[in-house]
Amino acid sequence: MEKFTDHSLLLDKILNSQTFANKEVQKSLLAFLYTSAKEGKSLREINIALDFFKRDNTFQPGEDTIVRVSIYKLRALLERYYEHEGTNDELVFDLPKGSYSLRVVRKGEEKSSPVRKNKKLRIVWLILLVSVIINLLFLFNRDWGSGIKRNPVWADYLKSELPVCITLGDPFFFRAIQDSTDEGIVIRDISINSPEDLQKIDMGKYLNSSMKTGMLDYPYFSANNIRPLPDIISVFAKAGIDVRLQTLSEANIEDVTGSAR
């Protein structure tokens, strides 16, 4: 990955391209993301909503999708630019899905991001685990899940021609420990949504002032997310329907606009 120092010429070239002609919102948003990346800022949806779109403190991401929709459009424009006008560019602006931070990488590296590789690897292992569980359950009971198939809600899903996407919730959890010999406890606080938020909290409110916090080194899935998977995937598998698994942190606007069930 190229060090993000000064790529203003690259930015000007993209902003003045035919692809971005008359796309004033996306041009301004790209410039905003570029400046933030150059200053070393790690952006979240709320930052873009307040600082760029000038929303007030009552902004609710669940009710106002302006950031996600605009980022989706900007990502699509960048992809179109590099498919045509920027096909020979050695350095490219990359805006990974699930992220609001702009990167500058050599062409081709945007598809081999270590973060993406790790996420894909976790998904592959999860799929393999689910597959093993399904096969084991089939050995004991070939008729399990038949009740779901008779359910009218599932019947409608099986008749649909849309692709199936199952999203696993992996909300932001963190670990609190007292010393190196303490395994600590896993904590979820609805006011903490990122590593930056985690650094600002006062651990005294949890147990005592000597507690320290750290990020988990694995995605946090509750048992309620995993338990239904064998039954659900089996129903679609018997109907010959492919299922795509993803985590909530990987979800984007494409997943909620009707392109998948």
C-alpha atoms as a PDB file:
ATOM      1  CA  MET A   1       0.000   0.000   0.000  1.00  0.00           C
ATOM      2  CA  GLU A   2       1.294   3.427  -0.941  1.00  0.00           C
ATOM      3  CA  LYS A   3       1.869   5.880   1.866  1.00  0.00           C
ATOM      4  CA  PHE A   4      -0.929   8.422   1.835  1.00  0.00           C
ATOM      5  CA  THR A   5       1.058  11.644   1.547  1.00  0.00           C
ATOM      6  CA  ASP A   6       0.259  13.869  -1.410  1.00  0.00           C
ATOM      7  CA  HIS A   7      -1.772  12.549  -4.333  1.00  0.00           C
ATOM      8  CA  SER A   8      -3.432  15.823  -5.259  1.00  0.00           C
ATOM      9  CA  LEU A   9      -2.598  15.389  -8.963  1.00  0.00           C
ATOM     10  CA  LEU A  10      -4.338  12.023  -8.945  1.00  0.00           C
ATOM     11  CA  LEU A  11      -7.327  13.584  -7.200  1.00  0.00           C
ATOM     12  CA  ASP A  12      -7.515  16.470  -9.708  1.00  0.00           C
ATOM     13  CA  LYS A  13      -7.378  14.043 -12.620  1.00  0.00           C
ATOM     14  CA  ILE A  14     -10.351  12.084 -11.295  1.00  0.00           C
ATOM     15  CA  LEU A  15     -12.386  15.162 -10.355  1.00  0.00           C
ATOM     16  CA  ASN A  16     -11.905  16.611 -13.861  1.00  0.00           C
ATOM     17  CA  SER A  17     -12.720  13.356 -15.644  1.00  0.00           C
ATOM     18  CA  GLN A  18     -15.786  12.787 -17.818  1.00  0.00           C
ATOM     19  CA  THR A  19     -16.924  10.071 -15.421  1.00  0.00           C
ATOM     20  CA  PHE A  20     -17.320  12.622 -12.633  1.00  0.00           C
ATOM     21  CA  ALA A  21     -18.702  15.390 -14.849  1.00  0.00           C
ATOM     22  CA  ASN A  22     -21.797  16.994 -13.257  1.00  0.00           C
ATOM     23  CA  LYS A  23     -21.431  14.701 -10.205  1.00  0.00           C
ATOM     24  CA  GLU A  24     -20.894  17.559  -7.778  1.00  0.00           C
ATOM     25  CA  VAL A  25     -21.891  15.723  -4.593  1.00  0.00           C
ATOM     26  CA  GLN A  26     -19.642  12.755  -5.346  1.00  0.00           C
ATOM     27  CA  LYS A  27     -16.768  15.047  -6.351  1.00  0.00           C
ATOM     28  CA  SER A  28     -17.017  17.005  -3.099  1.00  0.00           C
ATOM     29  CA  LEU A  29     -17.360  13.798  -1.083  1.00  0.00           C
ATOM     30  CA  LEU A  30     -14.258  12.302  -2.720  1.00  0.00           C
ATOM     31  CA  ALA A  31     -12.290  15.467  -1.939  1.00  0.00           C
ATOM     32  CA  PHE A  32     -13.523  15.332   1.668  1.00  0.00           C
ATOM     33  CA  LEU A  33     -12.485  11.672   2.034  1.00  0.00           C
ATOM     34  CA  TYR A  34      -9.101  12.450   0.450  1.00  0.00           C
ATOM     35  CA  THR A  35      -8.422  15.309   2.887  1.00  0.00           C
ATOM     36  CA  SER A  36      -9.479  13.176   5.852  1.00  0.00           C
ATOM     37  CA  ALA A  37      -7.227  10.296   4.768  1.00  0.00           C
ATOM     38  CA  LYS A  38      -4.300  12.655   4.234  1.00  0.00           C
ATOM     39  CA  GLU A  39      -4.809  13.983   7.779  1.00  0.00           C
ATOM     40  CA  GLY A  40      -4.880  10.428   9.141  1.00  0.00           C
ATOM     41  CA  LYS A  41      -8.516  10.511  10.231  1.00  0.00           C
ATOM     42  CA  SER A  42     -10.481   7.277  10.599  1.00  0.00           C
ATOM     43  CA  LEU A  43     -13.981   8.132   9.462  1.00  0.00           C
ATOM     44  CA  ARG A  44     -17.286   6.657  10.572  1.00  0.00           C
ATOM     45  CA  GLU A  45     -20.733   7.236   9.156  1.00  0.00           C
ATOM     46  CA  ILE A  46     -21.569   9.767  11.858  1.00  0.00           C
ATOM     47  CA  ASN A  47     -18.427  11.822  11.021  1.00  0.00           C
ATOM     48  CA  ILE A  48     -19.415  12.145   7.361  1.00  0.00           C
ATOM     49  CA  ALA A  49     -23.012  12.952   8.264  1.00  0.00           C
ATOM     50  CA  LEU A  50     -22.043  15.784  10.636  1.00  0.00           C
ATOM     51  CA  ASP A  51     -18.920  17.193   8.964  1.00  0.00           C
ATOM     52  CA  PHE A  52     -19.765  16.802   5.271  1.00  0.00           C
ATOM     53  CA  PHE A  53     -23.564  16.652   4.994  1.00  0.00           C
ATOM     54  CA  LYS A  54     -23.998  19.063   7.950  1.00  0.00           C
ATOM     55  CA  ARG A  55     -26.539  16.928   9.750  1.00  0.00           C
ATOM     56  CA  ASP A  56     -27.203  17.875  13.369  1.00  0.00           C
ATOM     57  CA  ASN A  57     -26.732  15.779  16.499  1.00  0.00           C
ATOM     58  CA  THR A  58     -30.128  14.141  16.029  1.00  0.00           C
ATOM     59  CA  PHE A  59     -28.787  12.197  13.019  1.00  0.00           C
ATOM     60  CA  GLN A  60     -29.862   8.548  13.109  1.00  0.00           C
ATOM     61  CA  PRO A  61     -28.134   6.214  10.573  1.00  0.00           C
ATOM     62  CA  GLY A  62     -31.081   3.832  10.666  1.00  0.00           C
ATOM     63  CA  GLU A  63     -33.463   6.572   9.548  1.00  0.00           C
ATOM     64  CA  ASP A  64     -31.220   8.706   7.311  1.00  0.00           C
ATOM     65  CA  THR A  65     -29.239   6.711   4.714  1.00  0.00           C
ATOM     66  CA  ILE A  66     -27.639   9.669   2.946  1.00  0.00           C
ATOM     67  CA  VAL A  67     -24.076   8.639   3.874  1.00  0.00           C
ATOM     68  CA  ARG A  68     -24.393   5.000   2.807  1.00  0.00           C
ATOM     69  CA  VAL A  69     -26.191   5.878  -0.422  1.00  0.00           C
ATOM     70  CA  SER A  70     -23.634   8.564  -1.321  1.00  0.00           C
ATOM     71  CA  ILE A  71     -20.680   6.286  -0.547  1.00  0.00           C
ATOM     72  CA  TYR A  72     -22.276   3.564  -2.676  1.00  0.00           C
ATOM     73  CA  LYS A  73     -22.625   5.992  -5.610  1.00  0.00           C
ATOM     74  CA  LEU A  74     -19.058   7.246  -5.177  1.00  0.00           C
ATOM     75  CA  ARG A  75     -17.678   3.696  -5.113  1.00  0.00           C
ATOM     76  CA  ALA A  76     -19.608   2.895  -8.313  1.00  0.00           C
ATOM     77  CA  LEU A  77     -18.235   6.022 -10.030  1.00  0.00           C
ATOM     78  CA  LEU A  78     -14.661   5.141  -9.072  1.00  0.00           C
ATOM     79  CA  GLU A  79     -15.087   1.640 -10.457  1.00  0.00           C
ATOM     80  CA  ARG A  80     -16.485   3.084 -13.700  1.00  0.00           C
ATOM     81  CA  TYR A  81     -13.605   5.567 -13.945  1.00  0.00           C
ATOM     82  CA  TYR A  82     -10.956   2.850 -13.565  1.00  0.00           C
ATOM     83  CA  GLU A  83     -12.724   0.667 -16.117  1.00  0.00           C
ATOM     84  CA  HIS A  84     -12.485   3.401 -18.762  1.00  0.00           C
ATOM     85  CA  GLU A  85     -10.597   6.693 -18.330  1.00  0.00           C
ATOM     86  CA  GLY A  86      -8.300   5.466 -15.565  1.00  0.00           C
ATOM     87  CA  THR A  87      -7.537   2.049 -17.007  1.00  0.00           C
ATOM     88  CA  ASN A  88      -3.811   2.890 -17.271  1.00  0.00           C
ATOM     89  CA  ASP A  89      -3.467   4.530 -13.828  1.00  0.00           C
ATOM     90  CA  GLU A  90      -0.781   2.823 -11.724  1.00  0.00           C
ATOM     91  CA  LEU A  91      -2.134   4.214  -8.449  1.00  0.00           C
ATOM     92  CA  VAL A  92      -5.832   4.058  -7.640  1.00  0.00           C
ATOM     93  CA  PHE A  93      -8.170   5.402  -4.990  1.00  0.00           C
ATOM     94  CA  ASP A  94      -9.745   2.474  -3.154  1.00  0.00           C
ATOM     95  CA  LEU A  95     -12.836   2.708  -0.954  1.00  0.00           C
ATOM     96  CA  PRO A  96     -13.280  -0.831   0.459  1.00  0.00           C
ATOM     97  CA  LYS A  97     -16.804  -2.034   1.142  1.00  0.00           C
ATOM     98  CA  GLY A  98     -17.709  -1.688   4.801  1.00  0.00           C
ATOM     99  CA  SER A  99     -15.261   1.208   5.217  1.00  0.00           C
ATOM    100  CA  TYR A 100     -15.438   4.994   4.912  1.00  0.00           C
ATOM    101  CA  SER A 101     -11.661   5.520   4.736  1.00  0.00           C
ATOM    102  CA  LEU A 102     -10.052   6.216   1.361  1.00  0.00           C
ATOM    103  CA  ARG A 103      -6.835   4.386   0.463  1.00  0.00           C
ATOM    104  CA  VAL A 104      -4.265   4.834  -2.286  1.00  0.00           C
ATOM    105  CA  VAL A 105      -2.927   1.507  -3.597  1.00  0.00           C
ATOM    106  CA  ARG A 106      -1.241   0.147  -6.684  1.00  0.00           C
ATOM    107  CA  LYS A 107      -3.668  -1.130  -9.266  1.00  0.00           C
ATOM    108  CA  GLY A 108      -4.688  -4.680  -8.456  1.00  0.00           C
ATOM    109  CA  GLU A 109      -3.984  -4.396  -4.730  1.00  0.00           C
ATOM    110  CA  GLU A 110      -7.473  -3.068  -4.044  1.00  0.00           C
ATOM    111  CA  LYS A 111      -8.780  -6.589  -4.607  1.00  0.00           C
ATOM    112  CA  SER A 112      -6.216  -8.208  -2.337  1.00  0.00           C
ATOM    113  CA  SER A 113      -6.587  -6.102   0.799  1.00  0.00           C
ATOM    114  CA  PRO A 114      -5.416  -8.039   3.920  1.00  0.00           C
ATOM    115  CA  VAL A 115      -8.597  -6.935   5.704  1.00  0.00           C
ATOM    116  CA  ARG A 116     -10.742  -8.392   2.947  1.00  0.00           C
ATOM    117  CA  LYS A 117      -8.662 -11.567   2.854  1.00  0.00           C
ATOM    118  CA  ASN A 118      -9.123 -12.101   6.581  1.00  0.00           C
ATOM    119  CA  LYS A 119     -12.864 -11.505   6.369  1.00  0.00           C
ATOM    120  CA  LYS A 120     -13.198 -13.889   3.443  1.00  0.00           C
ATOM    121  CA  LEU A 121     -11.147 -16.517   5.272  1.00  0.00           C
ATOM    122  CA  ARG A 122     -13.404 -16.268   8.329  1.00  0.00           C
ATOM    123  CA  ILE A 123     -16.463 -16.653   6.126  1.00  0.00           C
ATOM    124  CA  VAL A 124     -14.974 -19.717   4.424  1.00  0.00           C
ATOM    125  CA  TRP A 125     -14.251 -21.344   7.778  1.00  0.00           C
ATOM    126  CA  LEU A 126     -17.742 -20.495   8.977  1.00  0.00           C
ATOM    127  CA  ILE A 127     -19.277 -22.055   5.870  1.00  0.00           C
ATOM    128  CA  LEU A 128     -17.177 -25.198   6.369  1.00  0.00           C
ATOM    129  CA  LEU A 129     -18.265 -25.407  10.004  1.00  0.00           C
ATOM    130  CA  VAL A 130     -21.921 -25.009   9.071  1.00  0.00           C
ATOM    131  CA  SER A 131     -21.512 -27.669   6.380  1.00  0.00           C
ATOM    132  CA  VAL A 132     -20.074 -30.145   8.880  1.00  0.00           C
ATOM    133  CA  ILE A 133     -22.923 -29.478  11.323  1.00  0.00           C
ATOM    134  CA  ILE A 134     -25.512 -29.968   8.577  1.00  0.00           C
ATOM    135  CA  ASN A 135     -24.000 -33.288   7.497  1.00  0.00           C
ATOM    136  CA  LEU A 136     -23.823 -34.559  11.066  1.00  0.00           C
ATOM    137  CA  LEU A 137     -27.436 -33.661  11.695  1.00  0.00           C
ATOM    138  CA  PHE A 138     -28.490 -35.414   8.498  1.00  0.00           C
ATOM    139  CA  LEU A 139     -26.924 -38.611   9.800  1.00  0.00           C
ATOM    140  CA  PHE A 140     -29.220 -38.575  12.814  1.00  0.00           C
ATOM    141  CA  ASN A 141     -32.401 -37.213  11.320  1.00  0.00           C
ATOM    142  CA  ARG A 142     -33.061 -36.840   7.590  1.00  0.00           C
ATOM    143  CA  ASP A 143     -36.378 -35.116   8.167  1.00  0.00           C
ATOM    144  CA  TRP A 144     -35.143 -32.272  10.358  1.00  0.00           C
ATOM    145  CA  GLY A 145     -36.150 -28.861   9.087  1.00  0.00           C
ATOM    146  CA  SER A 146     -39.270 -30.188   7.357  1.00  0.00           C
ATOM    147  CA  GLY A 147     -41.383 -28.038   9.644  1.00  0.00           C
ATOM    148  CA  ILE A 148     -39.708 -24.939   8.244  1.00  0.00           C
ATOM    149  CA  LYS A 149     -40.466 -26.028   4.679  1.00  0.00           C
ATOM    150  CA  ARG A 150     -44.185 -26.220   5.471  1.00  0.00           C
ATOM    151  CA  ASN A 151     -44.140 -22.738   6.973  1.00  0.00           C
ATOM    152  CA  PRO A 152     -45.841 -20.299   4.529  1.00  0.00           C
ATOM    153  CA  VAL A 153     -43.174 -17.644   5.187  1.00  0.00           C
ATOM    154  CA  TRP A 154     -40.374 -19.943   4.024  1.00  0.00           C
ATOM    155  CA  ALA A 155     -42.477 -21.163   1.111  1.00  0.00           C
ATOM    156  CA  ASP A 156     -42.545 -17.607  -0.278  1.00  0.00           C
ATOM    157  CA  TYR A 157     -38.760 -17.351   0.073  1.00  0.00           C
ATOM    158  CA  LEU A 158     -38.256 -20.611  -1.800  1.00  0.00           C
ATOM    159  CA  LYS A 159     -40.449 -19.433  -4.674  1.00  0.00           C
ATOM    160  CA  SER A 160     -38.541 -16.159  -5.116  1.00  0.00           C
ATOM    161  CA  GLU A 161     -35.834 -15.884  -7.792  1.00  0.00           C
ATOM    162  CA  LEU A 162     -33.773 -13.355  -5.840  1.00  0.00           C
ATOM    163  CA  PRO A 163     -30.401 -14.501  -4.437  1.00  0.00           C
ATOM    164  CA  VAL A 164     -30.261 -15.374  -0.737  1.00  0.00           C
ATOM    165  CA  CYS A 165     -27.970 -13.502   1.647  1.00  0.00           C
ATOM    166  CA  ILE A 166     -27.760 -14.394   5.351  1.00  0.00           C
ATOM    167  CA  THR A 167     -26.230 -11.647   7.509  1.00  0.00           C
ATOM    168  CA  LEU A 168     -24.634 -12.614  10.823  1.00  0.00           C
ATOM    169  CA  GLY A 169     -24.587  -9.929  13.485  1.00  0.00           C
ATOM    170  CA  ASP A 170     -21.073  -9.171  14.777  1.00  0.00           C
ATOM    171  CA  PRO A 171     -21.575  -5.990  16.856  1.00  0.00           C
ATOM    172  CA  PHE A 172     -18.610  -4.221  18.434  1.00  0.00           C
ATOM    173  CA  PHE A 173     -17.567  -6.030  21.622  1.00  0.00           C
ATOM    174  CA  PHE A 174     -14.354  -5.520  23.580  1.00  0.00           C
ATOM    175  CA  ARG A 175     -12.435  -7.227  26.376  1.00  0.00           C
ATOM    176  CA  ALA A 176     -11.708  -5.724  29.802  1.00  0.00           C
ATOM    177  CA  ILE A 177      -8.761  -7.133  31.766  1.00  0.00           C
ATOM    178  CA  GLN A 178      -7.026  -6.218  34.995  1.00  0.00           C
ATOM    179  CA  ASP A 179      -3.551  -7.720  34.407  1.00  0.00           C
ATOM    180  CA  SER A 180      -1.718 -10.225  32.207  1.00  0.00           C
ATOM    181  CA  THR A 181      -2.939 -13.179  34.303  1.00  0.00           C
ATOM    182  CA  ASP A 182      -6.594 -12.191  33.983  1.00  0.00           C
ATOM    183  CA  GLU A 183      -8.616 -13.557  31.045  1.00  0.00           C
ATOM    184  CA  GLY A 184     -10.973 -10.625  31.456  1.00  0.00           C
ATOM    185  CA  ILE A 185     -14.596 -10.269  30.449  1.00  0.00           C
ATOM    186  CA  VAL A 186     -16.265  -9.478  27.132  1.00  0.00           C
ATOM    187  CA  ILE A 187     -18.322  -6.269  27.225  1.00  0.00           C
ATOM    188  CA  ARG A 188     -20.847  -4.659  24.873  1.00  0.00           C
ATOM    189  CA  ASP A 189     -21.709  -0.987  25.376  1.00  0.00           C
ATOM    190  CA  ILE A 190     -24.180   0.610  22.941  1.00  0.00           C
ATOM    191  CA  SER A 191     -22.266   3.900  23.131  1.00  0.00           C
ATOM    192  CA  ILE A 192     -19.071   2.248  21.855  1.00  0.00           C
ATOM    193  CA  ASN A 193     -18.981   1.422  18.150  1.00  0.00           C
ATOM    194  CA  SER A 194     -15.330   1.650  17.139  1.00  0.00           C
ATOM    195  CA  PRO A 195     -11.722   1.388  18.411  1.00  0.00           C
ATOM    196  CA  GLU A 196     -11.679   5.191  18.630  1.00  0.00           C
ATOM    197  CA  ASP A 197     -14.702   5.196  20.949  1.00  0.00           C
ATOM    198  CA  LEU A 198     -13.093   2.431  23.003  1.00  0.00           C
ATOM    199  CA  GLN A 199     -10.012   4.551  23.679  1.00  0.00           C
ATOM    200  CA  LYS A 200     -12.132   7.344  25.152  1.00  0.00           C
ATOM    201  CA  ILE A 201     -14.117   5.396  27.748  1.00  0.00           C
ATOM    202  CA  ASP A 202     -13.597   5.378  31.502  1.00  0.00           C
ATOM    203  CA  MET A 203     -13.316   1.751  32.592  1.00  0.00           C
ATOM    204  CA  GLY A 204     -14.068   2.744  36.163  1.00  0.00           C
ATOM    205  CA  LYS A 205     -17.757   2.613  35.368  1.00  0.00           C
ATOM    206  CA  TYR A 206     -17.535  -1.112  34.650  1.00  0.00           C
ATOM    207  CA  LEU A 207     -15.523  -2.679  37.481  1.00  0.00           C
ATOM    208  CA  ASN A 208     -12.669  -0.632  38.884  1.00  0.00           C
ATOM    209  CA  SER A 209     -10.265   2.071  37.786  1.00  0.00           C
ATOM    210  CA  SER A 210      -7.383  -0.371  37.179  1.00  0.00           C
ATOM    211  CA  MET A 211      -9.192  -2.238  34.399  1.00  0.00           C
ATOM    212  CA  LYS A 212      -7.840  -1.973  30.854  1.00  0.00           C
ATOM    213  CA  THR A 213      -9.602  -2.532  27.572  1.00  0.00           C
ATOM    214  CA  GLY A 214      -8.655  -4.056  24.261  1.00  0.00           C
ATOM    215  CA  MET A 215     -10.263  -5.143  21.028  1.00  0.00           C
ATOM    216  CA  LEU A 216     -11.250  -8.744  20.481  1.00  0.00           C
ATOM    217  CA  ASP A 217      -9.052 -10.584  17.981  1.00  0.00           C
ATOM    218  CA  TYR A 218     -12.044 -12.435  16.552  1.00  0.00           C
ATOM    219  CA  PRO A 219     -15.540 -11.474  15.336  1.00  0.00           C
ATOM    220  CA  TYR A 220     -18.157 -11.731  18.074  1.00  0.00           C
ATOM    221  CA  PHE A 221     -21.183 -13.835  17.163  1.00  0.00           C
ATOM    222  CA  SER A 222     -23.907 -14.597  19.670  1.00  0.00           C
ATOM    223  CA  ALA A 223     -25.279 -18.139  19.931  1.00  0.00           C
ATOM    224  CA  ASN A 224     -28.609 -16.882  18.578  1.00  0.00           C
ATOM    225  CA  ASN A 225     -26.869 -15.975  15.299  1.00  0.00           C
ATOM    226  CA  ILE A 226     -25.349 -19.420  14.777  1.00  0.00           C
ATOM    227  CA  ARG A 227     -28.009 -21.833  16.042  1.00  0.00           C
ATOM    228  CA  PRO A 228     -30.592 -21.370  13.263  1.00  0.00           C
ATOM    229  CA  LEU A 229     -28.032 -21.549  10.418  1.00  0.00           C
ATOM    230  CA  PRO A 230     -28.100 -25.338   9.813  1.00  0.00           C
ATOM    231  CA  ASP A 231     -31.899 -25.392   9.567  1.00  0.00           C
ATOM    232  CA  ILE A 232     -32.078 -22.324   7.338  1.00  0.00           C
ATOM    233  CA  ILE A 233     -29.273 -23.317   4.969  1.00  0.00           C
ATOM    234  CA  SER A 234     -30.634 -26.862   4.711  1.00  0.00           C
ATOM    235  CA  VAL A 235     -34.014 -25.603   3.522  1.00  0.00           C
ATOM    236  CA  PHE A 236     -32.430 -23.607   0.713  1.00  0.00           C
ATOM    237  CA  ALA A 237     -29.935 -26.369  -0.122  1.00  0.00           C
ATOM    238  CA  LYS A 238     -32.742 -28.906  -0.615  1.00  0.00           C
ATOM    239  CA  ALA A 239     -34.396 -26.453  -2.989  1.00  0.00           C
ATOM    240  CA  GLY A 240     -31.151 -26.008  -4.954  1.00  0.00           C
ATOM    241  CA  ILE A 241     -30.768 -22.356  -3.923  1.00  0.00           C
ATOM    242  CA  ASP A 242     -27.305 -20.917  -3.237  1.00  0.00           C
ATOM    243  CA  VAL A 243     -26.828 -18.944  -0.020  1.00  0.00           C
ATOM    244  CA  ARG A 244     -24.297 -16.170   0.580  1.00  0.00           C
ATOM    245  CA  LEU A 245     -23.088 -15.535   4.134  1.00  0.00           C
ATOM    246  CA  GLN A 246     -21.747 -12.218   5.372  1.00  0.00           C
ATOM    247  CA  THR A 247     -21.268 -10.373   8.634  1.00  0.00           C
ATOM    248  CA  LEU A 248     -23.194  -7.260   9.628  1.00  0.00           C
ATOM    249  CA  SER A 249     -20.020  -5.168   9.512  1.00  0.00           C
ATOM    250  CA  GLU A 250     -19.606  -6.112   5.833  1.00  0.00           C
ATOM    251  CA  ALA A 251     -23.157  -5.133   4.889  1.00  0.00           C
ATOM    252  CA  ASN A 252     -23.739  -2.066   2.732  1.00  0.00           C
ATOM    253  CA  ILE A 253     -26.528  -0.286   0.887  1.00  0.00           C
ATOM    254  CA  GLU A 254     -26.600  -2.949  -1.828  1.00  0.00           C
ATOM    255  CA  ASP A 255     -27.823  -5.478   0.728  1.00  0.00           C
ATOM    256  CA  VAL A 256     -30.891  -3.470   1.723  1.00  0.00           C
ATOM    257  CA  THR A 257     -32.097  -2.177  -1.635  1.00  0.00           C
ATOM    258  CA  GLY A 258     -33.936  -5.290  -2.705  1.00  0.00           C
ATOM    259  CA  SER A 259     -31.092  -6.986  -4.597  1.00  0.00           C
ATOM    260  CA  ALA A 260     -31.177  -9.945  -2.213  1.00  0.00           C
ATOM    261  CA  ARG A 261     -33.547 -11.663   0.179  1.00  0.00           C
END
